[in-house]
Amino acid sequence: MASSRLILVIVFLVSPGCVGPAVHRPIHELVASLPTPSLSLPAGTGLDQALQRLHRIGATNIARARGVEGDDSLEAVTADGLQEVLLFRDGRLSRTLPIGCDRGTNVRSYLHLARSEGRTAVIVLSSTLRHQGVPSVMVLLDREPARRYVIAHDHFPEWFKGLVDPRIVGADLDRPGVIFVARDDSGLPWDNAVIFRCDGRQVQVTPVSMARAARCSCIYDWYTGAR
């Protein structure tokens, strides 16, 4: 009997159905047009210099993601309308990765750093992001030549309810993949999350219930607003 009570407590803790979901609508800057779609910065440019350059040209909604790879600290940076992601290693520009989206569709973007095929991968998403007119998520691989995966939104229908306040958890796109959740236009969490993988052979997108996704404490905190 004691063990049954313990199981019930665990289910309560991990199931979002047992708590009220937080409503959250991020506040963004008004999107400004950039005078250039590329900063054309040389390799080795410092992160602070690059950020100063973005501010000088009036870039809005600067998006950043941080990570670690071995002994290197990584940071990815982009902004509204910038047609590239700047990838920094230990505070110096390592390379520029072209996003490959339709011009002007990458606004209010969100970045996430992961690994795929033994390389750094930058996931780029936005509610407005388009590739040849199709709403998509972009995955940029730091390899020579640069490689890009384009994942159409129709792999996860929840997207059409709206995409605000996205959260990606996970560092390995090959296996087990990363978990992706977001909120709809009302600010409420989607009913389902997705796990997606890119392993060099195929892109696989698997929907999962939010209850299952919320077993991850990061997503549980996001769901309940405890962040």
C-alpha atoms as a PDB file:
ATOM      1  CA  MET A   1       0.000   0.000   0.000  1.00  0.00           C
ATOM      2  CA  ALA A   2       2.877   2.368   0.855  1.00  0.00           C
ATOM      3  CA  SER A   3       4.433   1.762  -2.554  1.00  0.00           C
ATOM      4  CA  SER A   4       1.132   2.641  -4.281  1.00  0.00           C
ATOM      5  CA  ARG A   5       1.041   5.970  -2.462  1.00  0.00           C
ATOM      6  CA  LEU A   6       4.623   6.680  -3.532  1.00  0.00           C
ATOM      7  CA  ILE A   7       3.779   6.034  -7.190  1.00  0.00           C
ATOM      8  CA  LEU A   8       0.866   8.439  -6.994  1.00  0.00           C
ATOM      9  CA  VAL A   9       3.103  11.154  -5.579  1.00  0.00           C
ATOM     10  CA  ILE A  10       5.627  10.690  -8.394  1.00  0.00           C
ATOM     11  CA  VAL A  11       2.906  10.907 -11.043  1.00  0.00           C
ATOM     12  CA  PHE A  12       1.661  14.117  -9.433  1.00  0.00           C
ATOM     13  CA  LEU A  13       5.102  15.659  -9.602  1.00  0.00           C
ATOM     14  CA  VAL A  14       5.795  14.882 -13.247  1.00  0.00           C
ATOM     15  CA  SER A  15       2.363  15.231 -14.848  1.00  0.00           C
ATOM     16  CA  PRO A  16       1.494  18.760 -15.998  1.00  0.00           C
ATOM     17  CA  GLY A  17      -2.166  17.775 -15.842  1.00  0.00           C
ATOM     18  CA  CYS A  18      -1.868  18.066 -12.064  1.00  0.00           C
ATOM     19  CA  VAL A  19      -0.789  21.703 -12.058  1.00  0.00           C
ATOM     20  CA  GLY A  20      -1.979  24.814 -13.778  1.00  0.00           C
ATOM     21  CA  PRO A  21       0.095  25.709 -16.841  1.00  0.00           C
ATOM     22  CA  ALA A  22       1.697  29.136 -16.824  1.00  0.00           C
ATOM     23  CA  VAL A  23       0.567  31.649 -19.425  1.00  0.00           C
ATOM     24  CA  HIS A  24       3.548  33.503 -20.864  1.00  0.00           C
ATOM     25  CA  ARG A  25       3.890  35.898 -23.786  1.00  0.00           C
ATOM     26  CA  PRO A  26       7.428  37.185 -24.291  1.00  0.00           C
ATOM     27  CA  ILE A  27       7.920  40.877 -24.926  1.00  0.00           C
ATOM     28  CA  HIS A  28       9.972  41.640 -28.049  1.00  0.00           C
ATOM     29  CA  GLU A  29      11.411  44.802 -29.518  1.00  0.00           C
ATOM     30  CA  LEU A  30       9.759  46.242 -32.595  1.00  0.00           C
ATOM     31  CA  VAL A  31      11.558  44.741 -35.578  1.00  0.00           C
ATOM     32  CA  ALA A  32      13.869  47.174 -37.350  1.00  0.00           C
ATOM     33  CA  SER A  33      15.296  46.715 -40.853  1.00  0.00           C
ATOM     34  CA  LEU A  34      19.027  46.074 -40.977  1.00  0.00           C
ATOM     35  CA  PRO A  35      21.129  48.064 -43.450  1.00  0.00           C
ATOM     36  CA  THR A  36      22.907  44.810 -44.386  1.00  0.00           C
ATOM     37  CA  PRO A  37      21.965  41.112 -44.098  1.00  0.00           C
ATOM     38  CA  SER A  38      25.561  40.216 -43.185  1.00  0.00           C
ATOM     39  CA  LEU A  39      28.072  41.774 -40.802  1.00  0.00           C
ATOM     40  CA  SER A  40      31.057  40.517 -42.869  1.00  0.00           C
ATOM     41  CA  LEU A  41      33.198  40.200 -39.750  1.00  0.00           C
ATOM     42  CA  PRO A  42      36.612  38.521 -40.006  1.00  0.00           C
ATOM     43  CA  ALA A  43      37.343  35.335 -38.072  1.00  0.00           C
ATOM     44  CA  GLY A  44      38.793  36.135 -34.680  1.00  0.00           C
ATOM     45  CA  THR A  45      36.534  39.128 -34.044  1.00  0.00           C
ATOM     46  CA  GLY A  46      35.714  39.356 -30.348  1.00  0.00           C
ATOM     47  CA  LEU A  47      32.194  38.676 -29.127  1.00  0.00           C
ATOM     48  CA  ASP A  48      31.917  42.113 -27.504  1.00  0.00           C
ATOM     49  CA  GLN A  49      33.025  43.772 -30.755  1.00  0.00           C
ATOM     50  CA  ALA A  50      30.406  41.856 -32.726  1.00  0.00           C
ATOM     51  CA  LEU A  51      27.650  42.788 -30.283  1.00  0.00           C
ATOM     52  CA  GLN A  52      28.712  46.436 -30.394  1.00  0.00           C
ATOM     53  CA  ARG A  53      28.553  46.304 -34.193  1.00  0.00           C
ATOM     54  CA  LEU A  54      25.018  44.867 -34.046  1.00  0.00           C
ATOM     55  CA  HIS A  55      23.904  47.622 -31.689  1.00  0.00           C
ATOM     56  CA  ARG A  56      25.528  50.323 -33.857  1.00  0.00           C
ATOM     57  CA  ILE A  57      23.573  49.258 -36.954  1.00  0.00           C
ATOM     58  CA  GLY A  58      20.317  49.135 -34.984  1.00  0.00           C
ATOM     59  CA  ALA A  59      19.842  45.361 -34.770  1.00  0.00           C
ATOM     60  CA  THR A  60      16.778  44.312 -32.805  1.00  0.00           C
ATOM     61  CA  ASN A  61      15.919  41.164 -30.846  1.00  0.00           C
ATOM     62  CA  ILE A  62      19.494  39.898 -30.664  1.00  0.00           C
ATOM     63  CA  ALA A  63      19.315  36.154 -29.970  1.00  0.00           C
ATOM     64  CA  ARG A  64      22.110  34.289 -28.166  1.00  0.00           C
ATOM     65  CA  ALA A  65      22.730  30.700 -27.106  1.00  0.00           C
ATOM     66  CA  ARG A  66      25.610  29.389 -25.005  1.00  0.00           C
ATOM     67  CA  GLY A  67      27.185  25.956 -24.764  1.00  0.00           C
ATOM     68  CA  VAL A  68      30.363  24.050 -24.015  1.00  0.00           C
ATOM     69  CA  GLU A  69      32.285  21.709 -26.301  1.00  0.00           C
ATOM     70  CA  GLY A  70      35.215  19.987 -24.646  1.00  0.00           C
ATOM     71  CA  ASP A  71      37.353  22.795 -23.244  1.00  0.00           C
ATOM     72  CA  ASP A  72      35.769  25.417 -25.528  1.00  0.00           C
ATOM     73  CA  SER A  73      32.972  27.759 -24.560  1.00  0.00           C
ATOM     74  CA  LEU A  74      30.565  28.351 -27.440  1.00  0.00           C
ATOM     75  CA  GLU A  75      28.157  31.142 -28.209  1.00  0.00           C
ATOM     76  CA  ALA A  76      25.837  31.570 -31.184  1.00  0.00           C
ATOM     77  CA  VAL A  77      24.442  35.008 -32.052  1.00  0.00           C
ATOM     78  CA  THR A  78      21.967  36.370 -34.588  1.00  0.00           C
ATOM     79  CA  ALA A  79      19.400  39.175 -34.827  1.00  0.00           C
ATOM     80  CA  ASP A  80      16.292  40.236 -36.745  1.00  0.00           C
ATOM     81  CA  GLY A  81      16.937  40.016 -40.476  1.00  0.00           C
ATOM     82  CA  LEU A  82      20.560  38.893 -40.165  1.00  0.00           C
ATOM     83  CA  GLN A  83      21.046  36.122 -42.715  1.00  0.00           C
ATOM     84  CA  GLU A  84      23.685  34.372 -40.645  1.00  0.00           C
ATOM     85  CA  VAL A  85      24.494  32.951 -37.258  1.00  0.00           C
ATOM     86  CA  LEU A  86      27.815  34.037 -35.766  1.00  0.00           C
ATOM     87  CA  LEU A  87      29.515  31.147 -33.960  1.00  0.00           C
ATOM     88  CA  PHE A  88      32.090  32.056 -31.316  1.00  0.00           C
ATOM     89  CA  ARG A  89      34.623  29.802 -29.592  1.00  0.00           C
ATOM     90  CA  ASP A  90      36.152  31.123 -26.393  1.00  0.00           C
ATOM     91  CA  GLY A  91      34.894  34.608 -27.198  1.00  0.00           C
ATOM     92  CA  ARG A  92      36.297  34.801 -30.742  1.00  0.00           C
ATOM     93  CA  LEU A  93      34.388  34.476 -34.010  1.00  0.00           C
ATOM     94  CA  SER A  94      35.050  30.969 -35.312  1.00  0.00           C
ATOM     95  CA  ARG A  95      32.856  31.145 -38.402  1.00  0.00           C
ATOM     96  CA  THR A  96      29.647  32.467 -39.896  1.00  0.00           C
ATOM     97  CA  LEU A  97      26.873  29.991 -40.732  1.00  0.00           C
ATOM     98  CA  PRO A  98      24.331  31.090 -43.379  1.00  0.00           C
ATOM     99  CA  ILE A  99      20.761  30.516 -42.214  1.00  0.00           C
ATOM    100  CA  GLY A 100      19.359  30.004 -45.712  1.00  0.00           C
ATOM    101  CA  CYS A 101      15.872  31.283 -44.918  1.00  0.00           C
ATOM    102  CA  ASP A 102      13.709  33.589 -47.003  1.00  0.00           C
ATOM    103  CA  ARG A 103      14.928  37.134 -46.475  1.00  0.00           C
ATOM    104  CA  GLY A 104      13.179  39.011 -43.696  1.00  0.00           C
ATOM    105  CA  THR A 105      11.465  35.942 -42.195  1.00  0.00           C
ATOM    106  CA  ASN A 106      13.999  35.401 -39.407  1.00  0.00           C
ATOM    107  CA  VAL A 107      12.716  37.817 -36.801  1.00  0.00           C
ATOM    108  CA  ARG A 108      12.280  37.258 -33.046  1.00  0.00           C
ATOM    109  CA  SER A 109      14.421  34.152 -33.451  1.00  0.00           C
ATOM    110  CA  TYR A 110      15.477  31.610 -30.860  1.00  0.00           C
ATOM    111  CA  LEU A 111      18.793  29.709 -30.952  1.00  0.00           C
ATOM    112  CA  HIS A 112      19.875  26.446 -29.341  1.00  0.00           C
ATOM    113  CA  LEU A 113      23.298  24.778 -29.425  1.00  0.00           C
ATOM    114  CA  ALA A 114      23.612  21.009 -29.746  1.00  0.00           C
ATOM    115  CA  ARG A 115      25.775  18.371 -31.465  1.00  0.00           C
ATOM    116  CA  SER A 116      25.138  16.339 -34.596  1.00  0.00           C
ATOM    117  CA  GLU A 117      27.427  14.128 -36.675  1.00  0.00           C
ATOM    118  CA  GLY A 118      30.259  14.991 -34.311  1.00  0.00           C
ATOM    119  CA  ARG A 119      29.885  18.707 -35.043  1.00  0.00           C
ATOM    120  CA  THR A 120      28.380  21.744 -33.414  1.00  0.00           C
ATOM    121  CA  ALA A 121      24.773  22.273 -34.517  1.00  0.00           C
ATOM    122  CA  VAL A 122      22.824  25.511 -34.182  1.00  0.00           C
ATOM    123  CA  ILE A 123      19.033  25.193 -34.172  1.00  0.00           C
ATOM    124  CA  VAL A 124      17.262  28.328 -35.435  1.00  0.00           C
ATOM    125  CA  LEU A 125      13.534  28.774 -35.024  1.00  0.00           C
ATOM    126  CA  SER A 126      10.975  31.528 -35.191  1.00  0.00           C
ATOM    127  CA  SER A 127       7.234  31.717 -35.701  1.00  0.00           C
ATOM    128  CA  THR A 128       7.860  33.568 -38.969  1.00  0.00           C
ATOM    129  CA  LEU A 129      10.857  31.617 -40.325  1.00  0.00           C
ATOM    130  CA  ARG A 130      10.367  30.421 -43.919  1.00  0.00           C
ATOM    131  CA  HIS A 131      12.418  28.412 -46.394  1.00  0.00           C
ATOM    132  CA  GLN A 132      11.159  28.735 -49.974  1.00  0.00           C
ATOM    133  CA  GLY A 133       7.855  29.890 -48.535  1.00  0.00           C
ATOM    134  CA  VAL A 134       7.484  26.933 -46.166  1.00  0.00           C
ATOM    135  CA  PRO A 135       7.460  27.487 -42.371  1.00  0.00           C
ATOM    136  CA  SER A 136      10.538  25.648 -41.121  1.00  0.00           C
ATOM    137  CA  VAL A 137      13.100  25.040 -38.412  1.00  0.00           C
ATOM    138  CA  MET A 138      16.714  25.368 -39.550  1.00  0.00           C
ATOM    139  CA  VAL A 139      19.578  23.247 -38.199  1.00  0.00           C
ATOM    140  CA  LEU A 140      23.024  24.570 -39.162  1.00  0.00           C
ATOM    141  CA  LEU A 141      26.064  22.288 -38.887  1.00  0.00           C
ATOM    142  CA  ASP A 142      29.570  23.634 -38.289  1.00  0.00           C
ATOM    143  CA  ARG A 143      31.366  21.615 -40.922  1.00  0.00           C
ATOM    144  CA  GLU A 144      33.148  22.175 -44.245  1.00  0.00           C
ATOM    145  CA  PRO A 145      31.257  22.892 -46.332  1.00  0.00           C
ATOM    146  CA  ALA A 146      28.514  24.082 -43.983  1.00  0.00           C
ATOM    147  CA  ARG A 147      25.497  21.783 -43.912  1.00  0.00           C
ATOM    148  CA  ARG A 148      21.893  22.662 -43.248  1.00  0.00           C
ATOM    149  CA  TYR A 149      18.786  20.672 -42.365  1.00  0.00           C
ATOM    150  CA  VAL A 150      15.392  22.217 -43.097  1.00  0.00           C
ATOM    151  CA  ILE A 151      12.539  20.748 -41.030  1.00  0.00           C
ATOM    152  CA  ALA A 152       9.100  21.793 -42.262  1.00  0.00           C
ATOM    153  CA  HIS A 153       6.515  22.805 -39.653  1.00  0.00           C
ATOM    154  CA  ASP A 154       4.047  20.203 -40.863  1.00  0.00           C
ATOM    155  CA  HIS A 155       6.090  17.631 -38.931  1.00  0.00           C
ATOM    156  CA  PHE A 156       4.551  19.123 -35.774  1.00  0.00           C
ATOM    157  CA  PRO A 157       1.010  20.471 -36.323  1.00  0.00           C
ATOM    158  CA  GLU A 158       0.914  22.199 -32.910  1.00  0.00           C
ATOM    159  CA  TRP A 159       3.005  24.909 -34.569  1.00  0.00           C
ATOM    160  CA  PHE A 160      -0.023  26.233 -36.432  1.00  0.00           C
ATOM    161  CA  LYS A 161      -1.620  27.275 -33.120  1.00  0.00           C
ATOM    162  CA  GLY A 162       1.263  29.709 -32.746  1.00  0.00           C
ATOM    163  CA  LEU A 163       4.820  29.575 -31.508  1.00  0.00           C
ATOM    164  CA  VAL A 164       5.866  31.773 -28.623  1.00  0.00           C
ATOM    165  CA  ASP A 165       8.289  31.201 -25.763  1.00  0.00           C
ATOM    166  CA  PRO A 166       9.936  28.083 -27.271  1.00  0.00           C
ATOM    167  CA  ARG A 167      12.169  25.845 -25.197  1.00  0.00           C
ATOM    168  CA  ILE A 168      14.585  23.209 -26.487  1.00  0.00           C
ATOM    169  CA  VAL A 169      16.252  20.798 -24.082  1.00  0.00           C
ATOM    170  CA  GLY A 170      19.038  18.415 -25.034  1.00  0.00           C
ATOM    171  CA  ALA A 171      22.537  18.514 -26.482  1.00  0.00           C
ATOM    172  CA  ASP A 172      22.674  15.544 -28.892  1.00  0.00           C
ATOM    173  CA  LEU A 173      20.629  15.729 -32.078  1.00  0.00           C
ATOM    174  CA  ASP A 174      21.763  12.291 -33.260  1.00  0.00           C
ATOM    175  CA  ARG A 175      20.558  10.281 -30.293  1.00  0.00           C
ATOM    176  CA  PRO A 176      18.553  10.633 -28.143  1.00  0.00           C
ATOM    177  CA  GLY A 177      17.577  13.877 -29.885  1.00  0.00           C
ATOM    178  CA  VAL A 178      16.285  17.127 -28.397  1.00  0.00           C
ATOM    179  CA  ILE A 179      12.881  17.912 -26.902  1.00  0.00           C
ATOM    180  CA  PHE A 180      11.084  20.941 -28.279  1.00  0.00           C
ATOM    181  CA  VAL A 181       8.103  22.653 -26.635  1.00  0.00           C
ATOM    182  CA  ALA A 182       6.434  26.030 -27.108  1.00  0.00           C
ATOM    183  CA  ARG A 183       3.279  27.983 -26.333  1.00  0.00           C
ATOM    184  CA  ASP A 184       0.472  28.950 -28.664  1.00  0.00           C
ATOM    185  CA  ASP A 185      -0.609  32.498 -29.453  1.00  0.00           C
ATOM    186  CA  SER A 186      -2.605  32.661 -26.217  1.00  0.00           C
ATOM    187  CA  GLY A 187       0.534  31.963 -24.182  1.00  0.00           C
ATOM    188  CA  LEU A 188      -0.569  28.477 -23.091  1.00  0.00           C
ATOM    189  CA  PRO A 189       1.698  25.421 -23.612  1.00  0.00           C
ATOM    190  CA  TRP A 190       1.088  23.165 -26.565  1.00  0.00           C
ATOM    191  CA  ASP A 191      -0.734  19.913 -25.768  1.00  0.00           C
ATOM    192  CA  ASN A 192       2.230  17.959 -27.123  1.00  0.00           C
ATOM    193  CA  ALA A 193       5.977  18.321 -27.396  1.00  0.00           C
ATOM    194  CA  VAL A 194       8.207  16.888 -30.113  1.00  0.00           C
ATOM    195  CA  ILE A 195      11.500  15.052 -30.075  1.00  0.00           C
ATOM    196  CA  PHE A 196      13.536  15.605 -33.191  1.00  0.00           C
ATOM    197  CA  ARG A 197      16.723  13.994 -34.403  1.00  0.00           C
ATOM    198  CA  CYS A 198      19.118  14.641 -37.310  1.00  0.00           C
ATOM    199  CA  ASP A 199      21.650  11.851 -37.661  1.00  0.00           C
ATOM    200  CA  GLY A 200      23.144  12.499 -41.091  1.00  0.00           C
ATOM    201  CA  ARG A 201      20.827  10.047 -42.789  1.00  0.00           C
ATOM    202  CA  GLN A 202      17.368  11.318 -41.964  1.00  0.00           C
ATOM    203  CA  VAL A 203      15.384  13.842 -39.960  1.00  0.00           C
ATOM    204  CA  GLN A 204      13.026  12.191 -37.511  1.00  0.00           C
ATOM    205  CA  VAL A 205      10.289  14.076 -35.647  1.00  0.00           C
ATOM    206  CA  THR A 206       8.330  12.255 -32.926  1.00  0.00           C
ATOM    207  CA  PRO A 207       5.403  13.843 -31.042  1.00  0.00           C
ATOM    208  CA  VAL A 208       5.148  13.097 -27.323  1.00  0.00           C
ATOM    209  CA  SER A 209       2.630  14.121 -24.692  1.00  0.00           C
ATOM    210  CA  MET A 210       3.443  17.175 -22.607  1.00  0.00           C
ATOM    211  CA  ALA A 211       3.059  14.961 -19.514  1.00  0.00           C
ATOM    212  CA  ARG A 212       5.933  12.819 -20.733  1.00  0.00           C
ATOM    213  CA  ALA A 213       8.050  15.807 -21.764  1.00  0.00           C
ATOM    214  CA  ALA A 214       7.519  17.420 -18.354  1.00  0.00           C
ATOM    215  CA  ARG A 215       9.390  14.560 -16.692  1.00  0.00           C
ATOM    216  CA  CYS A 216      12.353  16.705 -17.620  1.00  0.00           C
ATOM    217  CA  SER A 217      12.651  19.238 -14.791  1.00  0.00           C
ATOM    218  CA  CYS A 218      13.618  22.046 -17.194  1.00  0.00           C
ATOM    219  CA  ILE A 219      10.398  21.608 -19.157  1.00  0.00           C
ATOM    220  CA  TYR A 220       8.341  21.125 -15.994  1.00  0.00           C
ATOM    221  CA  ASP A 221       9.629  24.478 -14.687  1.00  0.00           C
ATOM    222  CA  TRP A 222       8.924  26.114 -18.056  1.00  0.00           C
ATOM    223  CA  TYR A 223       5.402  24.639 -18.074  1.00  0.00           C
ATOM    224  CA  THR A 224       4.558  25.872 -14.574  1.00  0.00           C
ATOM    225  CA  GLY A 225       6.360  29.205 -14.899  1.00  0.00           C
ATOM    226  CA  ALA A 226       8.882  28.325 -12.171  1.00  0.00           C
ATOM    227  CA  ARG A 227      11.908  29.832 -13.875  1.00  0.00           C
END
